[in-house]
Full PDB file with SEQRES, HELIX, SHEET, SSBOND, CRYST1, ORIGX, SCALE, CONECT and MASTER records, all heavy atoms in Angstrom:
SEQRES   1 A   43  VAL ARG PHE PRO ALA ASP ARG SER SER PHE GLU HIS GLY          
SEQRES   2 A   43  LYS ALA LEU ALA ALA ALA ALA LYS ASP LEU GLY ARG ASN          
SEQRES   3 A   43  VAL ALA VAL LEU GLY SER THR ASP LEU THR HIS TYR GLY          
SEQRES   4 A   43  GLN ASN PHE GLY                                              
HELIX    1 AA1 SER A    8  LEU A   23  1                                  16    
HELIX    2 AA2 GLN A   40  PHE A   42  5                                   3    
CRYST1    1.000    1.000    1.000  90.00  90.00  90.00 P 1           1          
ORIGX1      1.000000  0.000000  0.000000        0.00000                         
ORIGX2      0.000000  1.000000  0.000000        0.00000                         
ORIGX3      0.000000  0.000000  1.000000        0.00000                         
SCALE1      1.000000  0.000000  0.000000        0.00000                         
SCALE2      0.000000  1.000000  0.000000        0.00000                         
SCALE3      0.000000  0.000000  1.000000        0.00000                         
ATOM      1  N   VAL A   1       0.849  -1.176   0.000  1.00  0.00           N  
ATOM      2  CA  VAL A   1       0.000   0.000   0.000  1.00  0.00           C  
ATOM      3  C   VAL A   1       0.890   1.233   0.000  1.00  0.00           C  
ATOM      4  O   VAL A   1       2.024   1.201   0.503  1.00  0.00           O  
ATOM      5  CB  VAL A   1      -0.951  -0.009   1.227  1.00  0.00           C  
ATOM      6  CG1 VAL A   1      -0.164   0.063   2.537  1.00  0.00           C  
ATOM      7  CG2 VAL A   1      -1.991   1.092   1.150  1.00  0.00           C  
ATOM      8  N   ARG A   2       0.391   2.327  -0.591  1.00  0.00           N  
ATOM      9  CA  ARG A   2       1.117   3.596  -0.558  1.00  0.00           C  
ATOM     10  C   ARG A   2       0.168   4.687  -0.068  1.00  0.00           C  
ATOM     11  O   ARG A   2      -0.987   4.736  -0.473  1.00  0.00           O  
ATOM     12  CB  ARG A   2       1.681   3.957  -1.936  1.00  0.00           C  
ATOM     13  CG  ARG A   2       2.775   3.015  -2.395  1.00  0.00           C  
ATOM     14  CD  ARG A   2       3.532   3.543  -3.609  1.00  0.00           C  
ATOM     15  NE  ARG A   2       2.788   3.448  -4.847  1.00  0.00           N  
ATOM     16  CZ  ARG A   2       2.635   4.443  -5.729  1.00  0.00           C  
ATOM     17  NH1 ARG A   2       3.144   5.648  -5.461  1.00  0.00           N  
ATOM     18  NH2 ARG A   2       1.949   4.270  -6.833  1.00  0.00           N  
ATOM     19  N   PHE A   3       0.693   5.551   0.822  1.00  0.00           N  
ATOM     20  CA  PHE A   3      -0.117   6.587   1.454  1.00  0.00           C  
ATOM     21  C   PHE A   3       0.342   7.971   0.999  1.00  0.00           C  
ATOM     22  O   PHE A   3       1.534   8.193   0.737  1.00  0.00           O  
ATOM     23  CB  PHE A   3       0.016   6.512   2.977  1.00  0.00           C  
ATOM     24  CG  PHE A   3      -0.692   5.354   3.633  1.00  0.00           C  
ATOM     25  CD1 PHE A   3      -0.421   5.038   4.957  1.00  0.00           C  
ATOM     26  CD2 PHE A   3      -1.630   4.597   2.953  1.00  0.00           C  
ATOM     27  CE1 PHE A   3      -1.068   3.991   5.588  1.00  0.00           C  
ATOM     28  CE2 PHE A   3      -2.277   3.542   3.570  1.00  0.00           C  
ATOM     29  CZ  PHE A   3      -2.000   3.242   4.898  1.00  0.00           C  
ATOM     30  N   PRO A   4      -0.577   8.951   0.959  1.00  0.00           N  
ATOM     31  CA  PRO A   4      -0.231  10.320   0.544  1.00  0.00           C  
ATOM     32  C   PRO A   4       0.449  11.109   1.654  1.00  0.00           C  
ATOM     33  O   PRO A   4       0.330  10.783   2.843  1.00  0.00           O  
ATOM     34  CB  PRO A   4      -1.594  10.925   0.202  1.00  0.00           C  
ATOM     35  CG  PRO A   4      -2.547  10.206   1.106  1.00  0.00           C  
ATOM     36  CD  PRO A   4      -2.025   8.798   1.201  1.00  0.00           C  
ATOM     37  N   ALA A   5       1.117  12.169   1.267  1.00  0.00           N  
ATOM     38  CA  ALA A   5       1.852  13.012   2.218  1.00  0.00           C  
ATOM     39  C   ALA A   5       0.920  14.051   2.833  1.00  0.00           C  
ATOM     40  O   ALA A   5       1.030  15.256   2.586  1.00  0.00           O  
ATOM     41  CB  ALA A   5       3.029  13.684   1.522  1.00  0.00           C  
ATOM     42  N   ASP A   6      -0.006  13.578   3.664  1.00  0.00           N  
ATOM     43  CA  ASP A   6      -0.876  14.486   4.409  1.00  0.00           C  
ATOM     44  C   ASP A   6      -1.315  13.816   5.705  1.00  0.00           C  
ATOM     45  O   ASP A   6      -1.007  12.648   5.952  1.00  0.00           O  
ATOM     46  CB  ASP A   6      -2.071  14.955   3.574  1.00  0.00           C  
ATOM     47  CG  ASP A   6      -2.952  13.820   3.094  1.00  0.00           C  
ATOM     48  OD1 ASP A   6      -3.195  12.867   3.859  1.00  0.00           O  
ATOM     49  OD2 ASP A   6      -3.423  13.870   1.936  1.00  0.00           O  
ATOM     50  N   ARG A   7      -2.039  14.555   6.527  1.00  0.00           N  
ATOM     51  CA  ARG A   7      -2.392  14.084   7.863  1.00  0.00           C  
ATOM     52  C   ARG A   7      -3.266  12.823   7.825  1.00  0.00           C  
ATOM     53  O   ARG A   7      -3.301  12.047   8.777  1.00  0.00           O  
ATOM     54  CB  ARG A   7      -3.093  15.207   8.631  1.00  0.00           C  
ATOM     55  CG  ARG A   7      -3.495  14.865  10.074  1.00  0.00           C  
ATOM     56  CD  ARG A   7      -2.290  14.451  10.913  1.00  0.00           C  
ATOM     57  NE  ARG A   7      -2.688  13.917  12.208  1.00  0.00           N  
ATOM     58  CZ  ARG A   7      -2.511  14.536  13.365  1.00  0.00           C  
ATOM     59  NH1 ARG A   7      -1.941  15.725  13.393  1.00  0.00           N  
ATOM     60  NH2 ARG A   7      -2.875  13.965  14.491  1.00  0.00           N  
ATOM     61  N   SER A   8      -3.990  12.618   6.728  1.00  0.00           N  
ATOM     62  CA  SER A   8      -4.842  11.437   6.647  1.00  0.00           C  
ATOM     63  C   SER A   8      -4.049  10.150   6.830  1.00  0.00           C  
ATOM     64  O   SER A   8      -4.588   9.142   7.324  1.00  0.00           O  
ATOM     65  CB  SER A   8      -5.580  11.398   5.302  1.00  0.00           C  
ATOM     66  OG  SER A   8      -4.692  11.116   4.226  1.00  0.00           O  
ATOM     67  N   SER A   9      -2.777  10.154   6.460  1.00  0.00           N  
ATOM     68  CA  SER A   9      -1.997   8.919   6.511  1.00  0.00           C  
ATOM     69  C   SER A   9      -1.761   8.455   7.944  1.00  0.00           C  
ATOM     70  O   SER A   9      -1.644   7.245   8.192  1.00  0.00           O  
ATOM     71  CB  SER A   9      -0.670   9.102   5.777  1.00  0.00           C  
ATOM     72  OG  SER A   9      -0.922   9.233   4.381  1.00  0.00           O  
ATOM     73  N   PHE A  10      -1.669   9.375   8.881  1.00  0.00           N  
ATOM     74  CA  PHE A  10      -1.567   8.979  10.288  1.00  0.00           C  
ATOM     75  C   PHE A  10      -2.826   8.217  10.700  1.00  0.00           C  
ATOM     76  O   PHE A  10      -2.752   7.185  11.379  1.00  0.00           O  
ATOM     77  CB  PHE A  10      -1.369  10.212  11.164  1.00  0.00           C  
ATOM     78  CG  PHE A  10      -1.118   9.921  12.613  1.00  0.00           C  
ATOM     79  CD1 PHE A  10       0.121   9.476  13.041  1.00  0.00           C  
ATOM     80  CD2 PHE A  10      -2.125  10.093  13.561  1.00  0.00           C  
ATOM     81  CE1 PHE A  10       0.364   9.205  14.386  1.00  0.00           C  
ATOM     82  CE2 PHE A  10      -1.898   9.830  14.907  1.00  0.00           C  
ATOM     83  CZ  PHE A  10      -0.653   9.381  15.320  1.00  0.00           C  
ATOM     84  N   GLU A  11      -3.984   8.701  10.262  1.00  0.00           N  
ATOM     85  CA  GLU A  11      -5.241   8.022  10.551  1.00  0.00           C  
ATOM     86  C   GLU A  11      -5.331   6.698   9.800  1.00  0.00           C  
ATOM     87  O   GLU A  11      -5.886   5.719  10.316  1.00  0.00           O  
ATOM     88  CB  GLU A  11      -6.416   8.928  10.192  1.00  0.00           C  
ATOM     89  CG  GLU A  11      -6.435  10.248  10.942  1.00  0.00           C  
ATOM     90  CD  GLU A  11      -6.414  10.074  12.453  1.00  0.00           C  
ATOM     91  OE1 GLU A  11      -7.098   9.160  12.955  1.00  0.00           O  
ATOM     92  OE2 GLU A  11      -5.710  10.853  13.134  1.00  0.00           O  
ATOM     93  N   HIS A  12      -4.786   6.653   8.576  1.00  0.00           N  
ATOM     94  CA  HIS A  12      -4.763   5.392   7.822  1.00  0.00           C  
ATOM     95  C   HIS A  12      -3.954   4.336   8.582  1.00  0.00           C  
ATOM     96  O   HIS A  12      -4.301   3.159   8.586  1.00  0.00           O  
ATOM     97  CB  HIS A  12      -4.144   5.604   6.445  1.00  0.00           C  
ATOM     98  CG  HIS A  12      -4.926   6.513   5.546  1.00  0.00           C  
ATOM     99  ND1 HIS A  12      -6.246   6.805   5.746  1.00  0.00           N  
ATOM    100  CD2 HIS A  12      -4.546   7.179   4.411  1.00  0.00           C  
ATOM    101  CE1 HIS A  12      -6.657   7.638   4.792  1.00  0.00           C  
ATOM    102  NE2 HIS A  12      -5.654   7.857   3.976  1.00  0.00           N  
ATOM    103  N   GLY A  13      -2.849   4.770   9.191  1.00  0.00           N  
ATOM    104  CA  GLY A  13      -2.045   3.835   9.974  1.00  0.00           C  
ATOM    105  C   GLY A  13      -2.812   3.281  11.158  1.00  0.00           C  
ATOM    106  O   GLY A  13      -2.726   2.077  11.472  1.00  0.00           O  
ATOM    107  N   LYS A  14      -3.597   4.132  11.801  1.00  0.00           N  
ATOM    108  CA  LYS A  14      -4.426   3.663  12.907  1.00  0.00           C  
ATOM    109  C   LYS A  14      -5.519   2.726  12.408  1.00  0.00           C  
ATOM    110  O   LYS A  14      -5.853   1.730  13.065  1.00  0.00           O  
ATOM    111  CB  LYS A  14      -5.024   4.854  13.663  1.00  0.00           C  
ATOM    112  CG  LYS A  14      -3.977   5.683  14.403  1.00  0.00           C  
ATOM    113  CD  LYS A  14      -4.584   6.604  15.434  1.00  0.00           C  
ATOM    114  CE  LYS A  14      -5.336   7.749  14.826  1.00  0.00           C  
ATOM    115  NZ  LYS A  14      -5.797   8.720  15.856  1.00  0.00           N  
ATOM    116  N   ALA A  15      -6.066   3.020  11.225  1.00  0.00           N  
ATOM    117  CA  ALA A  15      -7.080   2.141  10.636  1.00  0.00           C  
ATOM    118  C   ALA A  15      -6.488   0.778  10.296  1.00  0.00           C  
ATOM    119  O   ALA A  15      -7.165  -0.252  10.433  1.00  0.00           O  
ATOM    120  CB  ALA A  15      -7.674   2.792   9.386  1.00  0.00           C  
ATOM    121  N   LEU A  16      -5.238   0.755   9.861  1.00  0.00           N  
ATOM    122  CA  LEU A  16      -4.560  -0.513   9.593  1.00  0.00           C  
ATOM    123  C   LEU A  16      -4.469  -1.353  10.865  1.00  0.00           C  
ATOM    124  O   LEU A  16      -4.728  -2.568  10.844  1.00  0.00           O  
ATOM    125  CB  LEU A  16      -3.162  -0.241   9.027  1.00  0.00           C  
ATOM    126  CG  LEU A  16      -2.233  -1.443   8.898  1.00  0.00           C  
ATOM    127  CD1 LEU A  16      -2.811  -2.492   7.961  1.00  0.00           C  
ATOM    128  CD2 LEU A  16      -0.851  -0.985   8.420  1.00  0.00           C  
ATOM    129  N   ALA A  17      -4.108  -0.722  11.961  1.00  0.00           N  
ATOM    130  CA  ALA A  17      -4.035  -1.449  13.235  1.00  0.00           C  
ATOM    131  C   ALA A  17      -5.401  -2.003  13.622  1.00  0.00           C  
ATOM    132  O   ALA A  17      -5.506  -3.140  14.101  1.00  0.00           O  
ATOM    133  CB  ALA A  17      -3.496  -0.525  14.331  1.00  0.00           C  
ATOM    134  N   ALA A  18      -6.452  -1.215  13.397  1.00  0.00           N  
ATOM    135  CA  ALA A  18      -7.798  -1.676  13.732  1.00  0.00           C  
ATOM    136  C   ALA A  18      -8.224  -2.838  12.846  1.00  0.00           C  
ATOM    137  O   ALA A  18      -8.823  -3.808  13.322  1.00  0.00           O  
ATOM    138  CB  ALA A  18      -8.788  -0.511  13.595  1.00  0.00           C  
ATOM    139  N   ALA A  19      -7.907  -2.753  11.555  1.00  0.00           N  
ATOM    140  CA  ALA A  19      -8.254  -3.836  10.636  1.00  0.00           C  
ATOM    141  C   ALA A  19      -7.527  -5.118  11.004  1.00  0.00           C  
ATOM    142  O   ALA A  19      -8.109  -6.213  10.961  1.00  0.00           O  
ATOM    143  CB  ALA A  19      -7.930  -3.425   9.197  1.00  0.00           C  
ATOM    144  N   ALA A  20      -6.260  -5.004  11.356  1.00  0.00           N  
ATOM    145  CA  ALA A  20      -5.490  -6.182  11.758  1.00  0.00           C  
ATOM    146  C   ALA A  20      -6.070  -6.793  13.030  1.00  0.00           C  
ATOM    147  O   ALA A  20      -6.195  -8.022  13.146  1.00  0.00           O  
ATOM    148  CB  ALA A  20      -4.029  -5.801  11.970  1.00  0.00           C  
ATOM    149  N   LYS A  21      -6.461  -5.945  13.973  1.00  0.00           N  
ATOM    150  CA  LYS A  21      -7.051  -6.441  15.219  1.00  0.00           C  
ATOM    151  C   LYS A  21      -8.369  -7.156  14.951  1.00  0.00           C  
ATOM    152  O   LYS A  21      -8.653  -8.220  15.522  1.00  0.00           O  
ATOM    153  CB  LYS A  21      -7.252  -5.287  16.194  1.00  0.00           C  
ATOM    154  CG  LYS A  21      -7.783  -5.719  17.554  1.00  0.00           C  
ATOM    155  CD  LYS A  21      -7.901  -4.534  18.501  1.00  0.00           C  
ATOM    156  CE  LYS A  21      -8.415  -4.987  19.868  1.00  0.00           C  
ATOM    157  NZ  LYS A  21      -8.539  -3.831  20.810  1.00  0.00           N  
ATOM    158  N   ASP A  22      -9.191  -6.583  14.059  1.00  0.00           N  
ATOM    159  CA  ASP A  22     -10.476  -7.197  13.719  1.00  0.00           C  
ATOM    160  C   ASP A  22     -10.293  -8.611  13.184  1.00  0.00           C  
ATOM    161  O   ASP A  22     -11.123  -9.496  13.431  1.00  0.00           O  
ATOM    162  CB  ASP A  22     -11.207  -6.359  12.674  1.00  0.00           C  
ATOM    163  CG  ASP A  22     -11.700  -5.026  13.207  1.00  0.00           C  
ATOM    164  OD1 ASP A  22     -11.742  -4.856  14.446  1.00  0.00           O  
ATOM    165  OD2 ASP A  22     -12.024  -4.153  12.391  1.00  0.00           O  
ATOM    166  N   LEU A  23      -9.205  -8.820  12.429  1.00  0.00           N  
ATOM    167  CA  LEU A  23      -8.961 -10.112  11.796  1.00  0.00           C  
ATOM    168  C   LEU A  23      -8.062 -11.025  12.621  1.00  0.00           C  
ATOM    169  O   LEU A  23      -7.792 -12.157  12.214  1.00  0.00           O  
ATOM    170  CB  LEU A  23      -8.317  -9.896  10.418  1.00  0.00           C  
ATOM    171  CG  LEU A  23      -9.187  -9.183   9.380  1.00  0.00           C  
ATOM    172  CD1 LEU A  23      -8.360  -8.874   8.127  1.00  0.00           C  
ATOM    173  CD2 LEU A  23     -10.411 -10.017   9.019  1.00  0.00           C  
ATOM    174  N   GLY A  24      -7.572 -10.528  13.754  1.00  0.00           N  
ATOM    175  CA  GLY A  24      -6.657 -11.322  14.564  1.00  0.00           C  
ATOM    176  C   GLY A  24      -5.295 -11.502  13.932  1.00  0.00           C  
ATOM    177  O   GLY A  24      -4.616 -12.499  14.193  1.00  0.00           O  
ATOM    178  N   ARG A  25      -4.884 -10.538  13.129  1.00  0.00           N  
ATOM    179  CA  ARG A  25      -3.596 -10.615  12.457  1.00  0.00           C  
ATOM    180  C   ARG A  25      -2.482 -10.073  13.341  1.00  0.00           C  
ATOM    181  O   ARG A  25      -2.640  -9.041  14.005  1.00  0.00           O  
ATOM    182  CB  ARG A  25      -3.589  -9.793  11.167  1.00  0.00           C  
ATOM    183  CG  ARG A  25      -4.376 -10.345  10.031  1.00  0.00           C  
ATOM    184  CD  ARG A  25      -3.733 -11.561   9.391  1.00  0.00           C  
ATOM    185  NE  ARG A  25      -4.381 -11.815   8.123  1.00  0.00           N  
ATOM    186  CZ  ARG A  25      -5.565 -12.432   7.981  1.00  0.00           C  
ATOM    187  NH1 ARG A  25      -6.196 -12.877   9.058  1.00  0.00           N  
ATOM    188  NH2 ARG A  25      -6.099 -12.594   6.800  1.00  0.00           N  
ATOM    189  N   ASN A  26      -1.340 -10.745  13.313  1.00  0.00           N  
ATOM    190  CA  ASN A  26      -0.107 -10.218  13.886  1.00  0.00           C  
ATOM    191  C   ASN A  26       0.647  -9.550  12.738  1.00  0.00           C  
ATOM    192  O   ASN A  26       1.193 -10.219  11.856  1.00  0.00           O  
ATOM    193  CB  ASN A  26       0.725 -11.350  14.492  1.00  0.00           C  
ATOM    194  CG  ASN A  26       2.029 -10.859  15.085  1.00  0.00           C  
ATOM    195  OD1 ASN A  26       2.232  -9.662  15.264  1.00  0.00           O  
ATOM    196  ND2 ASN A  26       2.937 -11.778  15.359  1.00  0.00           N  
ATOM    197  N   VAL A  27       0.650  -8.231  12.731  1.00  0.00           N  
ATOM    198  CA  VAL A  27       1.143  -7.454  11.595  1.00  0.00           C  
ATOM    199  C   VAL A  27       2.411  -6.710  11.973  1.00  0.00           C  
ATOM    200  O   VAL A  27       2.523  -6.164  13.076  1.00  0.00           O  
ATOM    201  CB  VAL A  27       0.060  -6.453  11.126  1.00  0.00           C  
ATOM    202  CG1 VAL A  27       0.625  -5.436  10.158  1.00  0.00           C  
ATOM    203  CG2 VAL A  27      -1.092  -7.204  10.471  1.00  0.00           C  
ATOM    204  N   ALA A  28       3.370  -6.680  11.054  1.00  0.00           N  
ATOM    205  CA  ALA A  28       4.568  -5.844  11.174  1.00  0.00           C  
ATOM    206  C   ALA A  28       4.559  -4.844  10.028  1.00  0.00           C  
ATOM    207  O   ALA A  28       4.257  -5.202   8.885  1.00  0.00           O  
ATOM    208  CB  ALA A  28       5.833  -6.692  11.122  1.00  0.00           C  
ATOM    209  N   VAL A  29       4.874  -3.593  10.328  1.00  0.00           N  
ATOM    210  CA  VAL A  29       4.771  -2.511   9.344  1.00  0.00           C  
ATOM    211  C   VAL A  29       6.147  -1.930   9.052  1.00  0.00           C  
ATOM    212  O   VAL A  29       6.923  -1.635   9.971  1.00  0.00           O  
ATOM    213  CB  VAL A  29       3.830  -1.403   9.854  1.00  0.00           C  
ATOM    214  CG1 VAL A  29       3.934  -0.154   8.987  1.00  0.00           C  
ATOM    215  CG2 VAL A  29       2.394  -1.906   9.872  1.00  0.00           C  
ATOM    216  N   LEU A  30       6.414  -1.739   7.772  1.00  0.00           N  
ATOM    217  CA  LEU A  30       7.654  -1.114   7.328  1.00  0.00           C  
ATOM    218  C   LEU A  30       7.300   0.078   6.446  1.00  0.00           C  
ATOM    219  O   LEU A  30       6.821  -0.076   5.320  1.00  0.00           O  
ATOM    220  CB  LEU A  30       8.505  -2.116   6.541  1.00  0.00           C  
ATOM    221  CG  LEU A  30       9.927  -1.703   6.171  1.00  0.00           C  
ATOM    222  CD1 LEU A  30      10.751  -1.395   7.416  1.00  0.00           C  
ATOM    223  CD2 LEU A  30      10.608  -2.799   5.351  1.00  0.00           C  
ATOM    224  N   GLY A  31       7.484   1.299   6.987  1.00  0.00           N  
ATOM    225  CA  GLY A  31       7.287   2.507   6.201  1.00  0.00           C  
ATOM    226  C   GLY A  31       8.515   2.789   5.352  1.00  0.00           C  
ATOM    227  O   GLY A  31       9.633   2.434   5.726  1.00  0.00           O  
ATOM    228  N   SER A  32       8.331   3.463   4.231  1.00  0.00           N  
ATOM    229  CA  SER A  32       9.398   3.590   3.236  1.00  0.00           C  
ATOM    230  C   SER A  32       9.577   5.034   2.793  1.00  0.00           C  
ATOM    231  O   SER A  32       8.673   5.623   2.181  1.00  0.00           O  
ATOM    232  CB  SER A  32       9.041   2.710   2.024  1.00  0.00           C  
ATOM    233  OG  SER A  32       9.916   2.919   0.939  1.00  0.00           O  
ATOM    234  N   THR A  33      10.753   5.613   3.092  1.00  0.00           N  
ATOM    235  CA  THR A  33      11.062   6.953   2.588  1.00  0.00           C  
ATOM    236  C   THR A  33      12.562   7.150   2.471  1.00  0.00           C  
ATOM    237  O   THR A  33      13.338   6.574   3.240  1.00  0.00           O  
ATOM    238  CB  THR A  33      10.491   8.049   3.500  1.00  0.00           C  
ATOM    239  OG1 THR A  33      10.585   9.323   2.844  1.00  0.00           O  
ATOM    240  CG2 THR A  33      11.235   8.134   4.823  1.00  0.00           C  
ATOM    241  N   ASP A  34      12.970   7.955   1.513  1.00  0.00           N  
ATOM    242  CA  ASP A  34      14.305   8.542   1.496  1.00  0.00           C  
ATOM    243  C   ASP A  34      14.204   9.959   2.040  1.00  0.00           C  
ATOM    244  O   ASP A  34      13.109  10.515   2.161  1.00  0.00           O  
ATOM    245  CB  ASP A  34      14.880   8.563   0.080  1.00  0.00           C  
ATOM    246  CG  ASP A  34      15.211   7.172  -0.447  1.00  0.00           C  
ATOM    247  OD1 ASP A  34      15.335   6.246   0.366  1.00  0.00           O  
ATOM    248  OD2 ASP A  34      15.333   7.027  -1.681  1.00  0.00           O  
ATOM    249  N   LEU A  35      15.347  10.550   2.366  1.00  0.00           N  
ATOM    250  CA  LEU A  35      15.346  11.892   2.951  1.00  0.00           C  
ATOM    251  C   LEU A  35      15.701  12.927   1.869  1.00  0.00           C  
ATOM    252  O   LEU A  35      15.261  12.804   0.743  1.00  0.00           O  
ATOM    253  CB  LEU A  35      16.272  11.932   4.158  1.00  0.00           C  
ATOM    254  CG  LEU A  35      15.958  10.908   5.267  1.00  0.00           C  
ATOM    255  CD1 LEU A  35      16.789  11.193   6.507  1.00  0.00           C  
ATOM    256  CD2 LEU A  35      14.494  10.844   5.602  1.00  0.00           C  
ATOM    257  N   THR A  36      16.474  13.938   2.208  1.00  0.00           N  
ATOM    258  CA  THR A  36      16.725  15.042   1.284  1.00  0.00           C  
ATOM    259  C   THR A  36      17.345  14.574  -0.033  1.00  0.00           C  
ATOM    260  O   THR A  36      18.326  13.828  -0.030  1.00  0.00           O  
ATOM    261  CB  THR A  36      17.661  16.066   1.937  1.00  0.00           C  
ATOM    262  OG1 THR A  36      17.114  16.489   3.187  1.00  0.00           O  
ATOM    263  CG2 THR A  36      17.857  17.282   1.034  1.00  0.00           C  
ATOM    264  N   HIS A  37      16.784  15.033  -1.124  1.00  0.00           N  
ATOM    265  CA  HIS A  37      17.352  14.834  -2.459  1.00  0.00           C  
ATOM    266  C   HIS A  37      18.012  16.162  -2.844  1.00  0.00           C  
ATOM    267  O   HIS A  37      17.320  17.130  -3.179  1.00  0.00           O  
ATOM    268  CB  HIS A  37      16.268  14.479  -3.472  1.00  0.00           C  
ATOM    269  CG  HIS A  37      15.680  13.109  -3.282  1.00  0.00           C  
ATOM    270  ND1 HIS A  37      15.117  12.703  -2.087  1.00  0.00           N  
ATOM    271  CD2 HIS A  37      15.559  12.071  -4.149  1.00  0.00           C  
ATOM    272  CE1 HIS A  37      14.677  11.458  -2.233  1.00  0.00           C  
ATOM    273  NE2 HIS A  37      14.935  11.050  -3.453  1.00  0.00           N  
ATOM    274  N   TYR A  38      19.327  16.185  -2.774  1.00  0.00           N  
ATOM    275  CA  TYR A  38      20.060  17.454  -2.924  1.00  0.00           C  
ATOM    276  C   TYR A  38      20.868  17.459  -4.224  1.00  0.00           C  
ATOM    277  O   TYR A  38      21.505  16.457  -4.571  1.00  0.00           O  
ATOM    278  CB  TYR A  38      21.015  17.671  -1.748  1.00  0.00           C  
ATOM    279  CG  TYR A  38      21.586  19.070  -1.701  1.00  0.00           C  
ATOM    280  CD1 TYR A  38      21.043  20.026  -0.871  1.00  0.00           C  
ATOM    281  CD2 TYR A  38      22.654  19.438  -2.525  1.00  0.00           C  
ATOM    282  CE1 TYR A  38      21.540  21.321  -0.840  1.00  0.00           C  
ATOM    283  CE2 TYR A  38      23.160  20.720  -2.507  1.00  0.00           C  
ATOM    284  CZ  TYR A  38      22.599  21.667  -1.659  1.00  0.00           C  
ATOM    285  OH  TYR A  38      23.096  22.946  -1.650  1.00  0.00           O  
ATOM    286  N   GLY A  39      20.860  18.611  -4.905  1.00  0.00           N  
ATOM    287  CA  GLY A  39      21.728  18.776  -6.064  1.00  0.00           C  
ATOM    288  C   GLY A  39      20.975  19.164  -7.314  1.00  0.00           C  
ATOM    289  O   GLY A  39      19.745  19.226  -7.352  1.00  0.00           O  
ATOM    290  N   GLN A  40      21.722  19.402  -8.359  1.00  0.00           N  
ATOM    291  CA  GLN A  40      21.129  19.864  -9.610  1.00  0.00           C  
ATOM    292  C   GLN A  40      20.195  18.828 -10.220  1.00  0.00           C  
ATOM    293  O   GLN A  40      19.211  19.183 -10.886  1.00  0.00           O  
ATOM    294  CB  GLN A  40      22.241  20.236 -10.597  1.00  0.00           C  
ATOM    295  CG  GLN A  40      23.083  21.418 -10.129  1.00  0.00           C  
ATOM    296  CD  GLN A  40      24.188  21.769 -11.099  1.00  0.00           C  
ATOM    297  OE1 GLN A  40      24.391  21.088 -12.093  1.00  0.00           O  
ATOM    298  NE2 GLN A  40      24.912  22.843 -10.803  1.00  0.00           N  
ATOM    299  N   ASN A  41      20.472  17.554 -10.003  1.00  0.00           N  
ATOM    300  CA  ASN A  41      19.584  16.518 -10.535  1.00  0.00           C  
ATOM    301  C   ASN A  41      18.180  16.626  -9.967  1.00  0.00           C  
ATOM    302  O   ASN A  41      17.218  16.159 -10.593  1.00  0.00           O  
ATOM    303  CB  ASN A  41      20.134  15.122 -10.224  1.00  0.00           C  
ATOM    304  CG  ASN A  41      21.360  14.784 -11.026  1.00  0.00           C  
ATOM    305  OD1 ASN A  41      21.733  15.500 -11.945  1.00  0.00           O  
ATOM    306  ND2 ASN A  41      22.003  13.681 -10.678  1.00  0.00           N  
ATOM    307  N   PHE A  42      18.063  17.227  -8.776  1.00  0.00           N  
ATOM    308  CA  PHE A  42      16.771  17.305  -8.102  1.00  0.00           C  
ATOM    309  C   PHE A  42      16.240  18.736  -8.020  1.00  0.00           C  
ATOM    310  O   PHE A  42      15.178  18.968  -7.426  1.00  0.00           O  
ATOM    311  CB  PHE A  42      16.894  16.722  -6.685  1.00  0.00           C  
ATOM    312  CG  PHE A  42      17.504  15.357  -6.653  1.00  0.00           C  
ATOM    313  CD1 PHE A  42      18.744  15.142  -6.057  1.00  0.00           C  
ATOM    314  CD2 PHE A  42      16.867  14.278  -7.243  1.00  0.00           C  
ATOM    315  CE1 PHE A  42      19.315  13.883  -6.033  1.00  0.00           C  
ATOM    316  CE2 PHE A  42      17.432  13.014  -7.225  1.00  0.00           C  
ATOM    317  CZ  PHE A  42      18.660  12.813  -6.617  1.00  0.00           C  
ATOM    318  N   GLY A  43      16.977  19.685  -8.570  1.00  0.00           N  
ATOM    319  CA  GLY A  43      16.540  21.075  -8.548  1.00  0.00           C  
ATOM    320  C   GLY A  43      16.496  21.669  -7.158  1.00  0.00           C  
ATOM    321  O   GLY A  43      15.675  22.547  -6.862  1.00  0.00           O  
TER     322      GLY A  43                                                      
MASTER        0    0    0    2    0    0    0    6  321    1    0    4          
END                                                                             
């Protein structure tokens, strides 16, 4: 799944926990980001 860069994603994460609990799932979450993209290639 991919989430947008806004406050809704924090709530989406909480909804994921609720969905996993509803189903009795033991879930591990790995969020994915790089940090600053610096230089002329990135403007």
